[in-house]
């Protein structure tokens, strides 16, 4: 088969390597199958999808981020040109089906990194904080920025070697320079995020970075789970999902830092360092990606020209 892959931040590399290793050709145009991470009417997405569709290709989406993508719950209209979604975990599939995603969802396994077993430190010292980041144009949900500020102010009072990994500058993330805090500028690539996580004892993060840390076996604390999922690049374009109540509790990670104050945050960090949230990990990280299973799925989908399940 000829496969075109629209990569997003190195997140498709395992898919690409699996297909190439099994003898399939990676092409730039006129594919049999297009793999792409989103279908909204922004950036390059409409042009790439329409061109592939007009050439007769099947079009499947892979995970743009590790969190279940809720944008199609009343925020972004799903493209009718998509043939299906390739979810990393059963939890992703469950959430998408709960809000009524119209295309088939196939679970292909976790492919952002090689998973590692939970590895609790005997005495956590190095804490990595990856805050909720602004959009590519620099705009950020005000509630998210306020949570960044609140949590950062709590973390700097604790006895950890604190490193903050940010996109854009401190102010854009709602943070400030504090003596003793180390700073990393993220390049948004999965590979560099993995290296940063491996160097930490414990991770406090929002979104994909938190999921990645859990997959790598690091004790992890999340925050921001009480804010309804949304998307938009300004107050005027901001839209919230329609059916959050259907999946809010199912998605919730048990170690959460919101509204706790410094002592409460310290307590939840140490609890996360002792006991893994194993049930949550099984749902939202799931099984490791298997190249042969993934390739077999795509070959069958192409052969049948319709979803198998």
Protein backbone atom coordinates (compact mmCIF):
# COMPACT_ATOMS: atom_id res chain seq x y z
CA UNK A 1 0.00 0.00 0.00
CA UNK A 2 0.96 3.63 -0.44
CA UNK A 3 0.58 5.54 2.82
CA UNK A 4 0.67 9.30 3.29
CA UNK A 5 1.26 10.46 6.86
CA UNK A 6 0.68 14.00 8.05
CA UNK A 7 2.86 14.07 11.16
CA UNK A 8 2.11 16.07 14.29
CA UNK A 9 5.01 16.59 16.73
CA UNK A 10 6.58 13.17 15.99
CA UNK A 11 3.43 11.41 17.20
CA UNK A 12 3.04 9.32 14.05
CA UNK A 13 6.62 7.99 13.89
CA UNK A 14 5.78 4.57 15.34
CA UNK A 15 2.99 4.21 12.79
CA UNK A 16 5.28 5.21 9.96
CA UNK A 17 8.02 2.81 11.06
CA UNK A 18 5.57 -0.08 11.41
CA UNK A 19 4.25 0.41 7.89
CA UNK A 20 7.71 0.85 6.33
CA UNK A 21 9.07 -2.21 8.16
CA UNK A 22 6.21 -4.30 6.73
CA UNK A 23 6.98 -3.28 3.16
CA UNK A 24 4.50 -0.45 2.60
CA UNK A 25 5.51 2.71 0.78
CA UNK A 26 5.40 6.08 2.53
CA UNK A 27 4.42 8.74 -0.02
CA UNK A 28 3.71 12.47 -0.14
CA UNK A 29 0.82 12.37 -2.64
CA UNK A 30 -1.80 10.03 -4.14
CA UNK A 31 -1.93 7.51 -1.27
CA UNK A 32 -4.12 4.47 -0.74
CA UNK A 33 -4.50 5.58 2.88
CA UNK A 34 -3.96 8.97 4.50
CA UNK A 35 -3.13 9.09 8.23
CA UNK A 36 -3.73 12.52 9.76
CA UNK A 37 -4.23 13.83 13.30
CA UNK A 38 -7.21 16.21 12.91
CA UNK A 39 -9.96 17.20 10.51
CA UNK A 40 -10.92 20.74 11.59
CA UNK A 41 -11.09 23.67 9.20
CA UNK A 42 -7.73 25.15 10.19
CA UNK A 43 -4.16 25.20 8.90
CA UNK A 44 -3.34 22.50 6.32
CA UNK A 45 -6.00 19.97 7.36
CA UNK A 46 -8.85 20.67 4.86
CA UNK A 47 -6.55 20.78 1.84
CA UNK A 48 -4.69 17.57 2.71
CA UNK A 49 -7.88 15.65 3.49
CA UNK A 50 -9.78 16.81 0.40
CA UNK A 51 -6.85 16.04 -1.89
CA UNK A 52 -6.52 12.51 -0.51
CA UNK A 53 -10.27 11.92 -0.73
CA UNK A 54 -10.37 13.07 -4.36
CA UNK A 55 -7.58 10.63 -5.20
CA UNK A 56 -9.64 7.75 -3.79
CA UNK A 57 -7.74 7.27 -0.53
CA UNK A 58 -9.16 6.03 2.74
CA UNK A 59 -8.60 8.57 5.52
CA UNK A 60 -7.95 7.62 9.14
CA UNK A 61 -7.08 9.88 12.04
CA UNK A 62 -4.53 8.99 14.71
CA UNK A 63 -4.25 10.64 18.14
CA UNK A 64 -3.53 14.37 17.94
CA UNK A 65 -3.10 14.28 21.73
CA UNK A 66 -3.17 11.58 24.38
CA UNK A 67 -6.34 12.86 26.05
CA UNK A 68 -9.57 11.72 24.41
CA UNK A 69 -10.32 14.32 21.75
CA UNK A 70 -13.62 15.91 22.74
CA UNK A 71 -13.64 18.60 20.04
CA UNK A 72 -16.20 16.63 18.03
CA UNK A 73 -18.66 16.90 20.93
CA UNK A 74 -20.31 20.01 19.52
CA UNK A 75 -17.21 22.16 19.02
CA UNK A 76 -15.88 20.97 15.65
CA UNK A 77 -18.07 19.28 13.06
CA UNK A 78 -16.61 15.85 12.16
CA UNK A 79 -15.54 15.65 8.55
CA UNK A 80 -17.71 13.28 6.48
CA UNK A 81 -14.60 12.34 4.49
CA UNK A 82 -13.03 10.46 7.42
CA UNK A 83 -13.26 6.66 7.41
CA UNK A 84 -12.36 6.09 11.05
CA UNK A 85 -10.31 6.99 14.10
CA UNK A 86 -7.27 5.09 15.43
CA UNK A 87 -7.47 5.41 19.21
CA UNK A 88 -4.58 4.56 21.51
CA UNK A 89 -6.66 3.23 24.38
CA UNK A 90 -10.07 1.76 25.21
CA UNK A 91 -10.79 4.88 27.25
CA UNK A 92 -10.39 7.09 24.18
CA UNK A 93 -12.81 4.88 22.28
CA UNK A 94 -15.32 4.84 25.16
CA UNK A 95 -15.38 8.63 25.49
CA UNK A 96 -15.74 9.24 21.76
CA UNK A 97 -18.59 6.78 21.47
CA UNK A 98 -20.23 8.24 24.60
CA UNK A 99 -20.61 11.64 22.96
CA UNK A 100 -21.62 10.16 19.61
CA UNK A 101 -18.58 10.37 17.36
CA UNK A 102 -20.01 9.29 13.98
CA UNK A 103 -17.11 7.26 12.54
CA UNK A 104 -15.77 3.83 13.63
CA UNK A 105 -13.11 3.93 16.36
CA UNK A 106 -10.36 1.27 16.30
CA UNK A 107 -8.03 0.77 19.27
CA UNK A 108 -4.46 0.27 18.02
CA UNK A 109 -2.55 0.61 21.30
CA UNK A 110 -0.33 3.23 22.90
CA UNK A 111 2.23 4.39 20.32
CA UNK A 112 3.69 7.62 21.72
CA UNK A 113 6.46 5.77 23.59
CA UNK A 114 7.49 2.38 24.91
CA UNK A 115 5.58 1.98 28.15
CA UNK A 116 7.39 1.44 31.43
CA UNK A 117 6.09 -0.07 34.69
CA UNK A 118 5.23 2.23 37.59
CA UNK A 119 8.45 3.24 39.32
CA UNK A 120 7.87 4.99 42.66
CA UNK A 121 10.90 6.89 44.03
CA UNK A 122 12.03 6.15 47.57
CA UNK A 123 12.28 9.90 48.22
CA UNK A 124 10.97 12.19 45.45
CA UNK A 125 13.19 15.21 44.95
CA UNK A 126 13.08 16.25 41.29
CA UNK A 127 9.62 17.55 40.34
CA UNK A 128 8.81 18.43 36.75
CA UNK A 129 5.87 20.81 36.20
CA UNK A 130 4.45 21.00 32.66
CA UNK A 131 1.62 23.55 32.79
CA UNK A 132 -1.43 23.93 30.61
CA UNK A 133 0.03 25.69 27.57
CA UNK A 134 -1.27 28.51 25.33
CA UNK A 135 -2.45 27.91 21.78
CA UNK A 136 -0.06 28.38 18.88
CA UNK A 137 -1.14 32.01 18.52
CA UNK A 138 -0.34 32.67 22.19
CA UNK A 139 -3.94 32.91 23.43
CA UNK A 140 -4.88 30.87 26.48
CA UNK A 141 -8.13 30.12 28.30
CA UNK A 142 -8.11 32.55 31.27
CA UNK A 143 -9.27 29.85 33.70
CA UNK A 144 -6.40 27.63 32.60
CA UNK A 145 -3.84 30.39 33.05
CA UNK A 146 -5.24 31.13 36.53
CA UNK A 147 -4.86 27.46 37.48
CA UNK A 148 -1.24 27.52 36.26
CA UNK A 149 -0.53 30.50 38.51
CA UNK A 150 -2.24 28.97 41.53
CA UNK A 151 -0.50 25.62 41.23
CA UNK A 152 2.91 27.17 40.55
CA UNK A 153 2.56 29.35 43.64
CA UNK A 154 1.86 26.20 45.65
CA UNK A 155 4.73 24.19 44.16
CA UNK A 156 7.40 26.81 44.86
CA UNK A 157 6.58 26.51 48.58
CA UNK A 158 7.36 22.78 48.63
CA UNK A 159 10.69 21.06 49.19
CA UNK A 160 11.31 19.83 45.67
CA UNK A 161 13.89 20.66 43.05
CA UNK A 162 11.35 22.28 40.74
CA UNK A 163 11.73 22.41 36.97
CA UNK A 164 9.06 24.04 34.79
CA UNK A 165 8.76 23.00 31.13
CA UNK A 166 6.87 25.62 29.15
CA UNK A 167 5.78 26.66 25.68
CA UNK A 168 6.26 30.42 25.01
CA UNK A 169 7.39 32.53 27.96
CA UNK A 170 6.62 32.53 31.66
CA UNK A 171 4.03 35.30 31.45
CA UNK A 172 2.12 33.60 28.62
CA UNK A 173 1.69 30.59 30.92
CA UNK A 174 0.72 32.66 33.95
CA UNK A 175 4.06 32.02 35.69
CA UNK A 176 6.85 34.18 37.09
CA UNK A 177 10.56 33.93 37.72
CA UNK A 178 11.35 32.58 41.18
CA UNK A 179 14.86 31.96 42.54
CA UNK A 180 15.76 28.28 42.59
CA UNK A 181 13.29 27.23 39.88
CA UNK A 182 14.78 25.76 36.68
CA UNK A 183 13.16 26.38 33.30
CA UNK A 184 12.94 24.35 30.11
CA UNK A 185 11.55 25.60 26.80
CA UNK A 186 9.60 22.83 25.10
CA UNK A 187 10.02 22.16 21.39
CA UNK A 188 6.66 20.27 21.48
CA UNK A 189 8.28 17.05 20.27
CA UNK A 190 7.39 13.74 21.90
CA UNK A 191 11.03 12.63 21.90
CA UNK A 192 12.31 15.55 23.98
CA UNK A 193 9.32 15.34 26.32
CA UNK A 194 10.19 11.71 27.00
CA UNK A 195 13.75 12.63 27.96
CA UNK A 196 12.55 15.37 30.30
CA UNK A 197 10.10 13.01 32.02
CA UNK A 198 12.71 10.29 32.47
CA UNK A 199 14.94 12.74 34.35
CA UNK A 200 12.23 13.56 36.92
CA UNK A 201 11.10 11.72 40.05
CA UNK A 202 7.51 12.96 39.84
CA UNK A 203 5.50 14.94 37.28
CA UNK A 204 2.72 17.49 37.74
CA UNK A 205 1.12 18.27 34.41
CA UNK A 206 -1.93 18.89 32.27
CA UNK A 207 -2.99 17.04 29.14
CA UNK A 208 -0.83 14.91 26.89
CA UNK A 209 2.31 15.48 28.96
CA UNK A 210 0.63 13.95 32.02
CA UNK A 211 -0.55 10.93 30.02
CA UNK A 212 2.95 10.48 28.63
CA UNK A 213 4.44 10.56 32.13
CA UNK A 214 1.99 7.88 33.30
CA UNK A 215 2.85 5.68 30.32
CA UNK A 216 6.54 6.05 31.27
CA UNK A 217 5.81 4.84 34.80
CA UNK A 218 6.36 8.17 36.58
CA UNK A 219 4.21 9.15 39.58
CA UNK A 220 1.96 11.84 38.15
CA UNK A 221 -0.47 14.46 39.44
CA UNK A 222 -2.94 16.22 37.12
CA UNK A 223 -4.98 19.39 37.46
CA UNK A 224 -7.57 21.38 35.50
CA UNK A 225 -9.96 18.43 35.34
CA UNK A 226 -12.82 20.55 36.67
CA UNK A 227 -12.89 22.83 33.62
CA UNK A 228 -15.29 21.79 30.90
CA UNK A 229 -13.46 20.76 27.69
CA UNK A 230 -13.46 23.50 25.08
CA UNK A 231 -11.61 24.91 22.11
CA UNK A 232 -11.09 28.31 20.59
CA UNK A 233 -8.42 30.90 19.88
CA UNK A 234 -10.09 33.93 21.46
CA UNK A 235 -13.03 34.73 23.75
CA UNK A 236 -15.13 35.26 20.64
CA UNK A 237 -14.41 31.82 19.15
CA UNK A 238 -14.39 29.82 22.41
CA UNK A 239 -16.88 26.90 22.43
CA UNK A 240 -17.52 24.27 25.11
CA UNK A 241 -18.48 20.64 24.52
CA UNK A 242 -22.15 19.68 24.72
CA UNK A 243 -22.25 16.43 26.71
CA UNK A 244 -19.45 16.53 29.29
CA UNK A 245 -21.67 14.90 31.91
CA UNK A 246 -21.60 11.67 29.90
CA UNK A 247 -17.86 11.14 30.32
CA UNK A 248 -16.52 13.60 32.91
CA UNK A 249 -16.35 11.12 35.79
CA UNK A 250 -15.06 8.32 33.57
CA UNK A 251 -12.13 10.46 32.40
CA UNK A 252 -11.16 11.79 35.81
CA UNK A 253 -7.67 10.89 37.05
CA UNK A 254 -7.63 10.26 40.84
CA UNK A 255 -4.55 12.33 41.76
CA UNK A 256 -5.66 15.93 41.24
CA UNK A 257 -4.07 19.14 42.59
CA UNK A 258 -6.89 21.65 42.08
CA UNK A 259 -7.85 23.87 45.00
CA UNK A 260 -5.71 22.12 47.60
CA UNK A 261 -3.19 24.72 48.78
CA UNK A 262 0.50 23.89 49.25
CA UNK A 263 0.02 21.28 51.99
CA UNK A 264 -2.72 19.53 50.07
CA UNK A 265 -0.66 19.55 46.88
CA UNK A 266 2.29 18.11 48.77
CA UNK A 267 0.07 15.35 50.17
CA UNK A 268 -1.39 14.34 46.79
CA UNK A 269 2.10 14.28 45.24
CA UNK A 270 3.36 11.90 47.89
CA UNK A 271 0.27 9.70 47.57
CA UNK A 272 0.81 9.50 43.82
CA UNK A 273 4.40 8.43 44.51
CA UNK A 274 3.24 5.48 46.57
CA UNK A 275 0.34 3.94 44.65
CA UNK A 276 -0.24 3.85 40.90
CA UNK A 277 -3.67 4.73 39.50
CA UNK A 278 -3.69 1.33 37.84
CA UNK A 279 -7.36 1.20 36.79
CA UNK A 280 -7.14 4.62 35.16
CA UNK A 281 -3.91 3.67 33.38
CA UNK A 282 -5.53 0.52 32.02
CA UNK A 283 -8.36 2.59 30.55
CA UNK A 284 -6.47 5.58 29.15
CA UNK A 285 -2.99 4.26 28.40
CA UNK A 286 -3.98 0.68 27.70
CA UNK A 287 -1.94 -1.90 25.86
CA UNK A 288 1.31 -1.21 24.03
CA UNK A 289 1.06 -0.62 20.28
CA UNK A 290 1.95 -3.69 18.23
CA UNK A 291 3.26 -2.90 14.73
CA UNK A 292 2.03 -6.14 13.15
CA UNK A 293 -1.48 -5.75 14.54
CA UNK A 294 -1.69 -2.17 13.33
CA UNK A 295 -0.47 -3.02 9.84
CA UNK A 296 -2.85 -5.97 9.59
CA UNK A 297 -5.75 -3.71 10.53
CA UNK A 298 -4.93 -1.15 7.84
CA UNK A 299 -4.43 -3.86 5.22
CA UNK A 300 -7.83 -5.33 6.00
CA UNK A 301 -9.54 -1.96 6.04
CA UNK A 302 -8.04 -1.16 2.66
CA UNK A 303 -9.01 -4.54 1.26
CA UNK A 304 -12.59 -4.35 2.46
CA UNK A 305 -12.89 -0.60 1.92
CA UNK A 306 -15.05 -0.45 5.02
CA UNK A 307 -14.50 -0.72 8.82
CA UNK A 308 -14.28 -4.20 10.32
CA UNK A 309 -15.64 -3.32 13.79
